[in-house]
């Protein structure tokens, strides 16, 4: 599954830790937005648990948007940046 992960973190140090974790699961497309492709349910839950352990639940916010292949295929953007990673790869 493809997930769009968006966050609003008050503390700079906590934000840096969140970014470090997210870089292991996807790529940054905006300062507070990551695209995480091909996450199994287990891997998604591990990511979510890691992030929840880092943040202050009374001040910070993280949103997880699961997107189907059809939705990802229809993503549009304006300006700099790349299209989301395709879901299926074939090695030739």
PDB file of N, CA and C in Angstrom:
ATOM      1  N   UNK A   1       0.847  -1.180   0.000  1.00  0.00           N
ATOM      2  CA  UNK A   1       0.000   0.000   0.000  1.00  0.00           C
ATOM      3  C   UNK A   1       0.892   1.242   0.000  1.00  0.00           C
ATOM      4  N   UNK A   2       0.398   2.278  -0.588  1.00  0.00           N
ATOM      5  CA  UNK A   2       1.077   3.570  -0.659  1.00  0.00           C
ATOM      6  C   UNK A   2       0.472   4.473   0.419  1.00  0.00           C
ATOM      7  N   UNK A   3       1.319   5.127   1.212  1.00  0.00           N
ATOM      8  CA  UNK A   3       0.841   6.036   2.252  1.00  0.00           C
ATOM      9  C   UNK A   3       1.452   7.413   2.065  1.00  0.00           C
ATOM     10  N   UNK A   4       0.628   8.414   2.221  1.00  0.00           N
ATOM     11  CA  UNK A   4       1.081   9.790   2.294  1.00  0.00           C
ATOM     12  C   UNK A   4       1.086  10.127   3.780  1.00  0.00           C
ATOM     13  N   UNK A   5       2.250  10.529   4.304  1.00  0.00           N
ATOM     14  CA  UNK A   5       2.385  10.823   5.728  1.00  0.00           C
ATOM     15  C   UNK A   5       2.702  12.305   5.881  1.00  0.00           C
ATOM     16  N   UNK A   6       1.857  13.003   6.628  1.00  0.00           N
ATOM     17  CA  UNK A   6       1.998  14.448   6.837  1.00  0.00           C
ATOM     18  C   UNK A   6       2.117  14.705   8.333  1.00  0.00           C
ATOM     19  N   UNK A   7       2.972  15.639   8.702  1.00  0.00           N
ATOM     20  CA  UNK A   7       3.150  15.886  10.127  1.00  0.00           C
ATOM     21  C   UNK A   7       3.299  17.363  10.449  1.00  0.00           C
ATOM     22  N   UNK A   8       2.945  17.689  11.681  1.00  0.00           N
ATOM     23  CA  UNK A   8       3.138  19.016  12.250  1.00  0.00           C
ATOM     24  C   UNK A   8       3.719  18.785  13.639  1.00  0.00           C
ATOM     25  N   UNK A   9       5.020  19.009  13.772  1.00  0.00           N
ATOM     26  CA  UNK A   9       5.743  18.729  15.009  1.00  0.00           C
ATOM     27  C   UNK A   9       6.269  20.040  15.579  1.00  0.00           C
ATOM     28  N   UNK A  10       5.970  20.312  16.837  1.00  0.00           N
ATOM     29  CA  UNK A  10       6.342  21.578  17.468  1.00  0.00           C
ATOM     30  C   UNK A  10       7.847  21.674  17.719  1.00  0.00           C
ATOM     31  N   UNK A  11       8.437  20.664  18.322  1.00  0.00           N
ATOM     32  CA  UNK A  11       9.843  20.687  18.738  1.00  0.00           C
ATOM     33  C   UNK A  11      10.782  20.325  17.584  1.00  0.00           C
ATOM     34  N   UNK A  12      11.808  21.148  17.361  1.00  0.00           N
ATOM     35  CA  UNK A  12      12.757  20.915  16.264  1.00  0.00           C
ATOM     36  C   UNK A  12      13.453  19.561  16.379  1.00  0.00           C
ATOM     37  N   UNK A  13      13.896  19.208  17.570  1.00  0.00           N
ATOM     38  CA  UNK A  13      14.623  17.951  17.767  1.00  0.00           C
ATOM     39  C   UNK A  13      13.719  16.746  17.471  1.00  0.00           C
ATOM     40  N   UNK A  14      12.502  16.818  17.955  1.00  0.00           N
ATOM     41  CA  UNK A  14      11.536  15.744  17.681  1.00  0.00           C
ATOM     42  C   UNK A  14      11.259  15.653  16.191  1.00  0.00           C
ATOM     43  N   UNK A  15      11.093  16.798  15.542  1.00  0.00           N
ATOM     44  CA  UNK A  15      10.843  16.824  14.096  1.00  0.00           C
ATOM     45  C   UNK A  15      11.989  16.145  13.349  1.00  0.00           C
ATOM     46  N   UNK A  16      13.226  16.425  13.741  1.00  0.00           N
ATOM     47  CA  UNK A  16      14.382  15.798  13.089  1.00  0.00           C
ATOM     48  C   UNK A  16      14.356  14.285  13.263  1.00  0.00           C
ATOM     49  N   UNK A  17      13.957  13.829  14.429  1.00  0.00           N
ATOM     50  CA  UNK A  17      13.868  12.381  14.674  1.00  0.00           C
ATOM     51  C   UNK A  17      12.771  11.740  13.821  1.00  0.00           C
ATOM     52  N   UNK A  18      11.649  12.424  13.713  1.00  0.00           N
ATOM     53  CA  UNK A  18      10.546  11.928  12.882  1.00  0.00           C
ATOM     54  C   UNK A  18      10.994  11.829  11.427  1.00  0.00           C
ATOM     55  N   UNK A  19      11.673  12.859  10.938  1.00  0.00           N
ATOM     56  CA  UNK A  19      12.172  12.863   9.558  1.00  0.00           C
ATOM     57  C   UNK A  19      13.145  11.706   9.343  1.00  0.00           C
ATOM     58  N   UNK A  20      14.025  11.473  10.301  1.00  0.00           N
ATOM     59  CA  UNK A  20      15.003  10.387  10.174  1.00  0.00           C
ATOM     60  C   UNK A  20      14.303   9.031  10.037  1.00  0.00           C
ATOM     61  N   UNK A  21      13.285   8.810  10.844  1.00  0.00           N
ATOM     62  CA  UNK A  21      12.529   7.553  10.756  1.00  0.00           C
ATOM     63  C   UNK A  21      11.832   7.453   9.402  1.00  0.00           C
ATOM     64  N   UNK A  22      11.160   8.521   8.995  1.00  0.00           N
ATOM     65  CA  UNK A  22      10.413   8.492   7.734  1.00  0.00           C
ATOM     66  C   UNK A  22      11.319   8.276   6.526  1.00  0.00           C
ATOM     67  N   UNK A  23      12.541   8.782   6.573  1.00  0.00           N
ATOM     68  CA  UNK A  23      13.469   8.572   5.455  1.00  0.00           C
ATOM     69  C   UNK A  23      13.770   7.095   5.242  1.00  0.00           C
ATOM     70  N   UNK A  24      13.611   6.286   6.274  1.00  0.00           N
ATOM     71  CA  UNK A  24      13.807   4.845   6.148  1.00  0.00           C
ATOM     72  C   UNK A  24      12.618   4.127   5.523  1.00  0.00           C
ATOM     73  N   UNK A  25      11.523   4.835   5.343  1.00  0.00           N
ATOM     74  CA  UNK A  25      10.302   4.229   4.821  1.00  0.00           C
ATOM     75  C   UNK A  25       9.811   4.842   3.514  1.00  0.00           C
ATOM     76  N   UNK A  26      10.304   6.017   3.181  1.00  0.00           N
ATOM     77  CA  UNK A  26       9.818   6.684   1.979  1.00  0.00           C
ATOM     78  C   UNK A  26      10.692   7.857   1.613  1.00  0.00           C
ATOM     79  N   UNK A  27      10.163   8.743   0.777  1.00  0.00           N
ATOM     80  CA  UNK A  27      10.953   9.915   0.408  1.00  0.00           C
ATOM     81  C   UNK A  27      10.147  11.189   0.636  1.00  0.00           C
ATOM     82  N   UNK A  28      10.900  12.215   0.968  1.00  0.00           N
ATOM     83  CA  UNK A  28      10.311  13.497   1.322  1.00  0.00           C
ATOM     84  C   UNK A  28       9.909  14.233   0.056  1.00  0.00           C
ATOM     85  N   UNK A  29       8.671  14.699   0.008  1.00  0.00           N
ATOM     86  CA  UNK A  29       8.203  15.449  -1.156  1.00  0.00           C
ATOM     87  C   UNK A  29       7.929  16.907  -0.816  1.00  0.00           C
ATOM     88  N   UNK A  30       7.754  17.200   0.452  1.00  0.00           N
ATOM     89  CA  UNK A  30       7.663  18.563   0.966  1.00  0.00           C
ATOM     90  C   UNK A  30       8.238  18.535   2.371  1.00  0.00           C
ATOM     91  N   UNK A  31       8.418  19.693   2.973  1.00  0.00           N
ATOM     92  CA  UNK A  31       9.069  19.735   4.283  1.00  0.00           C
ATOM     93  C   UNK A  31       8.406  18.834   5.323  1.00  0.00           C
ATOM     94  N   UNK A  32       7.103  18.734   5.310  1.00  0.00           N
ATOM     95  CA  UNK A  32       6.386  17.928   6.302  1.00  0.00           C
ATOM     96  C   UNK A  32       5.548  16.823   5.676  1.00  0.00           C
ATOM     97  N   UNK A  33       5.949  16.371   4.490  1.00  0.00           N
ATOM     98  CA  UNK A  33       5.173  15.347   3.779  1.00  0.00           C
ATOM     99  C   UNK A  33       6.117  14.299   3.187  1.00  0.00           C
ATOM    100  N   UNK A  34       5.793  13.040   3.447  1.00  0.00           N
ATOM    101  CA  UNK A  34       6.545  11.920   2.885  1.00  0.00           C
ATOM    102  C   UNK A  34       5.611  11.010   2.112  1.00  0.00           C
ATOM    103  N   UNK A  35       6.120  10.453   1.016  1.00  0.00           N
ATOM    104  CA  UNK A  35       5.426   9.404   0.284  1.00  0.00           C
ATOM    105  C   UNK A  35       6.112   8.088   0.613  1.00  0.00           C
ATOM    106  N   UNK A  36       5.357   7.164   1.143  1.00  0.00           N
ATOM    107  CA  UNK A  36       5.889   5.860   1.536  1.00  0.00           C
ATOM    108  C   UNK A  36       5.190   4.802   0.692  1.00  0.00           C
ATOM    109  N   UNK A  37       5.920   4.245  -0.247  1.00  0.00           N
ATOM    110  CA  UNK A  37       5.305   3.283  -1.163  1.00  0.00           C
ATOM    111  C   UNK A  37       5.640   1.855  -0.756  1.00  0.00           C
ATOM    112  N   UNK A  38       4.792   0.966  -1.180  1.00  0.00           N
ATOM    113  CA  UNK A  38       4.971  -0.469  -0.976  1.00  0.00           C
ATOM    114  C   UNK A  38       5.157  -0.860   0.489  1.00  0.00           C
ATOM    115  N   UNK A  39       4.336  -0.322   1.364  1.00  0.00           N
ATOM    116  CA  UNK A  39       4.394  -0.716   2.770  1.00  0.00           C
ATOM    117  C   UNK A  39       3.396  -1.838   3.024  1.00  0.00           C
ATOM    118  N   UNK A  40       3.890  -2.931   3.557  1.00  0.00           N
ATOM    119  CA  UNK A  40       2.984  -3.994   3.995  1.00  0.00           C
ATOM    120  C   UNK A  40       2.261  -3.497   5.249  1.00  0.00           C
ATOM    121  N   UNK A  41       1.213  -4.182   5.628  1.00  0.00           N
ATOM    122  CA  UNK A  41       0.473  -3.803   6.841  1.00  0.00           C
ATOM    123  C   UNK A  41       1.396  -3.824   8.056  1.00  0.00           C
ATOM    124  N   UNK A  42       2.243  -4.849   8.141  1.00  0.00           N
ATOM    125  CA  UNK A  42       3.176  -4.983   9.261  1.00  0.00           C
ATOM    126  C   UNK A  42       4.174  -3.822   9.298  1.00  0.00           C
ATOM    127  N   UNK A  43       4.726  -3.508   8.137  1.00  0.00           N
ATOM    128  CA  UNK A  43       5.710  -2.416   8.061  1.00  0.00           C
ATOM    129  C   UNK A  43       5.054  -1.065   8.361  1.00  0.00           C
ATOM    130  N   UNK A  44       3.834  -0.869   7.904  1.00  0.00           N
ATOM    131  CA  UNK A  44       3.094   0.361   8.200  1.00  0.00           C
ATOM    132  C   UNK A  44       2.872   0.503   9.707  1.00  0.00           C
ATOM    133  N   UNK A  45       2.458  -0.569  10.361  1.00  0.00           N
ATOM    134  CA  UNK A  45       2.221  -0.518  11.804  1.00  0.00           C
ATOM    135  C   UNK A  45       3.509  -0.252  12.577  1.00  0.00           C
ATOM    136  N   UNK A  46       4.627  -0.809  12.114  1.00  0.00           N
ATOM    137  CA  UNK A  46       5.919  -0.534  12.752  1.00  0.00           C
ATOM    138  C   UNK A  46       6.277   0.940  12.623  1.00  0.00           C
ATOM    139  N   UNK A  47       6.085   1.498  11.434  1.00  0.00           N
ATOM    140  CA  UNK A  47       6.350   2.918  11.212  1.00  0.00           C
ATOM    141  C   UNK A  47       5.483   3.765  12.139  1.00  0.00           C
ATOM    142  N   UNK A  48       4.206   3.477  12.163  1.00  0.00           N
ATOM    143  CA  UNK A  48       3.271   4.245  12.979  1.00  0.00           C
ATOM    144  C   UNK A  48       3.649   4.180  14.463  1.00  0.00           C
ATOM    145  N   UNK A  49       4.000   3.005  14.948  1.00  0.00           N
ATOM    146  CA  UNK A  49       4.401   2.852  16.351  1.00  0.00           C
ATOM    147  C   UNK A  49       5.679   3.617  16.661  1.00  0.00           C
ATOM    148  N   UNK A  50       6.654   3.557  15.763  1.00  0.00           N
ATOM    149  CA  UNK A  50       7.906   4.299  15.968  1.00  0.00           C
ATOM    150  C   UNK A  50       7.634   5.793  16.075  1.00  0.00           C
ATOM    151  N   UNK A  51       6.805   6.298  15.176  1.00  0.00           N
ATOM    152  CA  UNK A  51       6.517   7.728  15.175  1.00  0.00           C
ATOM    153  C   UNK A  51       5.719   8.133  16.410  1.00  0.00           C
ATOM    154  N   UNK A  52       4.762   7.322  16.805  1.00  0.00           N
ATOM    155  CA  UNK A  52       3.962   7.640  17.989  1.00  0.00           C
ATOM    156  C   UNK A  52       4.809   7.657  19.252  1.00  0.00           C
ATOM    157  N   UNK A  53       5.857   6.842  19.292  1.00  0.00           N
ATOM    158  CA  UNK A  53       6.759   6.841  20.446  1.00  0.00           C
ATOM    159  C   UNK A  53       7.613   8.105  20.511  1.00  0.00           C
ATOM    160  N   UNK A  54       7.800   8.772  19.384  1.00  0.00           N
ATOM    161  CA  UNK A  54       8.659   9.959  19.328  1.00  0.00           C
ATOM    162  C   UNK A  54       7.937  11.258  19.662  1.00  0.00           C
ATOM    163  N   UNK A  55       6.665  11.339  19.331  1.00  0.00           N
ATOM    164  CA  UNK A  55       5.990  12.636  19.394  1.00  0.00           C
ATOM    165  C   UNK A  55       5.286  12.875  20.729  1.00  0.00           C
ATOM    166  N   UNK A  56       4.956  14.129  20.964  1.00  0.00           N
ATOM    167  CA  UNK A  56       4.147  14.535  22.107  1.00  0.00           C
ATOM    168  C   UNK A  56       2.696  14.556  21.628  1.00  0.00           C
ATOM    169  N   UNK A  57       1.914  13.620  22.089  1.00  0.00           N
ATOM    170  CA  UNK A  57       0.536  13.475  21.613  1.00  0.00           C
ATOM    171  C   UNK A  57      -0.354  14.660  21.980  1.00  0.00           C
ATOM    172  N   UNK A  58       0.111  15.523  22.887  1.00  0.00           N
ATOM    173  CA  UNK A  58      -0.679  16.695  23.269  1.00  0.00           C
ATOM    174  C   UNK A  58      -0.353  17.919  22.423  1.00  0.00           C
ATOM    175  N   UNK A  59       0.759  17.874  21.663  1.00  0.00           N
ATOM    176  CA  UNK A  59       1.170  19.033  20.861  1.00  0.00           C
ATOM    177  C   UNK A  59       1.353  18.739  19.379  1.00  0.00           C
ATOM    178  N   UNK A  60       1.711  17.512  19.051  1.00  0.00           N
ATOM    179  CA  UNK A  60       2.098  17.163  17.685  1.00  0.00           C
ATOM    180  C   UNK A  60       0.992  16.397  16.963  1.00  0.00           C
ATOM    181  N   UNK A  61       1.123  16.350  15.642  1.00  0.00           N
ATOM    182  CA  UNK A  61       0.129  15.657  14.825  1.00  0.00           C
ATOM    183  C   UNK A  61       0.808  14.962  13.650  1.00  0.00           C
ATOM    184  N   UNK A  62       0.405  13.726  13.410  1.00  0.00           N
ATOM    185  CA  UNK A  62       0.842  12.992  12.220  1.00  0.00           C
ATOM    186  C   UNK A  62      -0.408  12.393  11.587  1.00  0.00           C
ATOM    187  N   UNK A  63      -0.535  12.554  10.277  1.00  0.00           N
ATOM    188  CA  UNK A  63      -1.675  11.992   9.540  1.00  0.00           C
ATOM    189  C   UNK A  63      -1.153  10.992   8.513  1.00  0.00           C
ATOM    190  N   UNK A  64      -1.871   9.895   8.371  1.00  0.00           N
ATOM    191  CA  UNK A  64      -1.507   8.824   7.452  1.00  0.00           C
ATOM    192  C   UNK A  64      -2.650   8.657   6.456  1.00  0.00           C
ATOM    193  N   UNK A  65      -2.355   8.851   5.187  1.00  0.00           N
ATOM    194  CA  UNK A  65      -3.376   8.716   4.149  1.00  0.00           C
ATOM    195  C   UNK A  65      -3.033   7.526   3.258  1.00  0.00           C
ATOM    196  N   UNK A  66      -3.764   6.408   3.364  1.00  0.00           N
ATOM    197  CA  UNK A  66      -3.527   5.288   2.454  1.00  0.00           C
ATOM    198  C   UNK A  66      -4.121   5.618   1.087  1.00  0.00           C
ATOM    199  N   UNK A  67      -3.353   5.344   0.039  1.00  0.00           N
ATOM    200  CA  UNK A  67      -3.816   5.612  -1.325  1.00  0.00           C
ATOM    201  C   UNK A  67      -3.726   4.338  -2.151  1.00  0.00           C
ATOM    202  N   UNK A  68      -4.787   4.030  -2.869  1.00  0.00           N
ATOM    203  CA  UNK A  68      -4.787   2.860  -3.747  1.00  0.00           C
ATOM    204  C   UNK A  68      -3.955   3.163  -5.001  1.00  0.00           C
ATOM    205  N   UNK A  69      -3.651   2.126  -5.775  1.00  0.00           N
ATOM    206  CA  UNK A  69      -2.857   2.305  -6.999  1.00  0.00           C
ATOM    207  C   UNK A  69      -3.502   3.295  -7.954  1.00  0.00           C
ATOM    208  N   UNK A  70      -4.814   3.219  -8.087  1.00  0.00           N
ATOM    209  CA  UNK A  70      -5.522   4.133  -8.980  1.00  0.00           C
ATOM    210  C   UNK A  70      -5.393   5.580  -8.537  1.00  0.00           C
ATOM    211  N   UNK A  71      -5.470   5.799  -7.229  1.00  0.00           N
ATOM    212  CA  UNK A  71      -5.335   7.167  -6.699  1.00  0.00           C
ATOM    213  C   UNK A  71      -3.918   7.689  -6.902  1.00  0.00           C
ATOM    214  N   UNK A  72      -2.929   6.847  -6.644  1.00  0.00           N
ATOM    215  CA  UNK A  72      -1.532   7.263  -6.805  1.00  0.00           C
ATOM    216  C   UNK A  72      -1.255   7.600  -8.264  1.00  0.00           C
ATOM    217  N   UNK A  73      -1.816   6.804  -9.163  1.00  0.00           N
ATOM    218  CA  UNK A  73      -1.615   7.029 -10.596  1.00  0.00           C
ATOM    219  C   UNK A  73      -2.154   8.389 -11.029  1.00  0.00           C
ATOM    220  N   UNK A  74      -3.164   8.874 -10.342  1.00  0.00           N
ATOM    221  CA  UNK A  74      -3.798  10.142 -10.703  1.00  0.00           C
ATOM    222  C   UNK A  74      -3.257  11.348  -9.941  1.00  0.00           C
ATOM    223  N   UNK A  75      -2.207  11.155  -9.155  1.00  0.00           N
ATOM    224  CA  UNK A  75      -1.620  12.278  -8.412  1.00  0.00           C
ATOM    225  C   UNK A  75      -1.051  13.287  -9.396  1.00  0.00           C
ATOM    226  N   UNK A  76      -1.315  14.541  -9.147  1.00  0.00           N
ATOM    227  CA  UNK A  76      -0.773  15.628  -9.965  1.00  0.00           C
ATOM    228  C   UNK A  76       0.017  16.560  -9.063  1.00  0.00           C
ATOM    229  N   UNK A  77       0.992  17.221  -9.623  1.00  0.00           N
ATOM    230  CA  UNK A  77       1.714  18.236  -8.859  1.00  0.00           C
ATOM    231  C   UNK A  77       2.119  19.374  -9.781  1.00  0.00           C
ATOM    232  N   UNK A  78       2.370  20.511  -9.181  1.00  0.00           N
ATOM    233  CA  UNK A  78       2.799  21.688  -9.910  1.00  0.00           C
ATOM    234  C   UNK A  78       4.116  22.155  -9.319  1.00  0.00           C
ATOM    235  N   UNK A  79       5.044  22.541 -10.164  1.00  0.00           N
ATOM    236  CA  UNK A  79       6.339  23.019  -9.680  1.00  0.00           C
ATOM    237  C   UNK A  79       7.342  21.891  -9.568  1.00  0.00           C
ATOM    238  N   UNK A  80       8.332  22.096  -8.713  1.00  0.00           N
ATOM    239  CA  UNK A  80       9.401  21.112  -8.582  1.00  0.00           C
ATOM    240  C   UNK A  80       8.881  19.850  -7.916  1.00  0.00           C
ATOM    241  N   UNK A  81       9.587  18.774  -8.115  1.00  0.00           N
ATOM    242  CA  UNK A  81       9.196  17.503  -7.522  1.00  0.00           C
ATOM    243  C   UNK A  81       8.992  16.450  -8.594  1.00  0.00           C
ATOM    244  N   UNK A  82       8.822  15.235  -8.119  1.00  0.00           N
ATOM    245  CA  UNK A  82       8.651  14.099  -9.024  1.00  0.00           C
ATOM    246  C   UNK A  82       7.316  13.427  -8.758  1.00  0.00           C
ATOM    247  N   UNK A  83       6.857  12.661  -9.731  1.00  0.00           N
ATOM    248  CA  UNK A  83       5.660  11.857  -9.533  1.00  0.00           C
ATOM    249  C   UNK A  83       5.965  10.780  -8.499  1.00  0.00           C
ATOM    250  N   UNK A  84       4.938  10.293  -7.806  1.00  0.00           N
ATOM    251  CA  UNK A  84       5.153   9.214  -6.840  1.00  0.00           C
ATOM    252  C   UNK A  84       5.772   7.998  -7.514  1.00  0.00           C
ATOM    253  N   UNK A  85       6.493   7.214  -6.701  1.00  0.00           N
ATOM    254  CA  UNK A  85       7.103   5.990  -7.213  1.00  0.00           C
ATOM    255  C   UNK A  85       6.026   5.052  -7.727  1.00  0.00           C
ATOM    256  N   UNK A  86       6.269   4.424  -8.874  1.00  0.00           N
ATOM    257  CA  UNK A  86       5.305   3.417  -9.339  1.00  0.00           C
ATOM    258  C   UNK A  86       5.259   2.250  -8.357  1.00  0.00           C
ATOM    259  N   UNK A  87       4.119   1.614  -8.247  1.00  0.00           N
ATOM    260  CA  UNK A  87       3.925   0.526  -7.291  1.00  0.00           C
ATOM    261  C   UNK A  87       4.581  -0.781  -7.732  1.00  0.00           C
ATOM    262  N   UNK A  88       4.655  -1.027  -9.009  1.00  0.00           N
ATOM    263  CA  UNK A  88       5.165  -2.308  -9.491  1.00  0.00           C
ATOM    264  C   UNK A  88       6.453  -2.117 -10.265  1.00  0.00           C
ATOM    265  N   UNK A  89       7.425  -2.960  -9.982  1.00  0.00           N
ATOM    266  CA  UNK A  89       8.701  -2.923 -10.689  1.00  0.00           C
ATOM    267  C   UNK A  89       8.917  -4.247 -11.398  1.00  0.00           C
ATOM    268  N   UNK A  90       9.576  -4.173 -12.531  1.00  0.00           N
ATOM    269  CA  UNK A  90       9.988  -5.381 -13.236  1.00  0.00           C
ATOM    270  C   UNK A  90      11.463  -5.230 -13.568  1.00  0.00           C
ATOM    271  N   UNK A  91      12.250  -6.226 -13.193  1.00  0.00           N
ATOM    272  CA  UNK A  91      13.673  -6.218 -13.488  1.00  0.00           C
ATOM    273  C   UNK A  91      13.888  -6.989 -14.776  1.00  0.00           C
ATOM    274  N   UNK A  92      14.584  -6.359 -15.716  1.00  0.00           N
ATOM    275  CA  UNK A  92      14.827  -6.991 -17.007  1.00  0.00           C
ATOM    276  C   UNK A  92      16.286  -7.380 -17.106  1.00  0.00           C
TER     277      UNK A  92
END
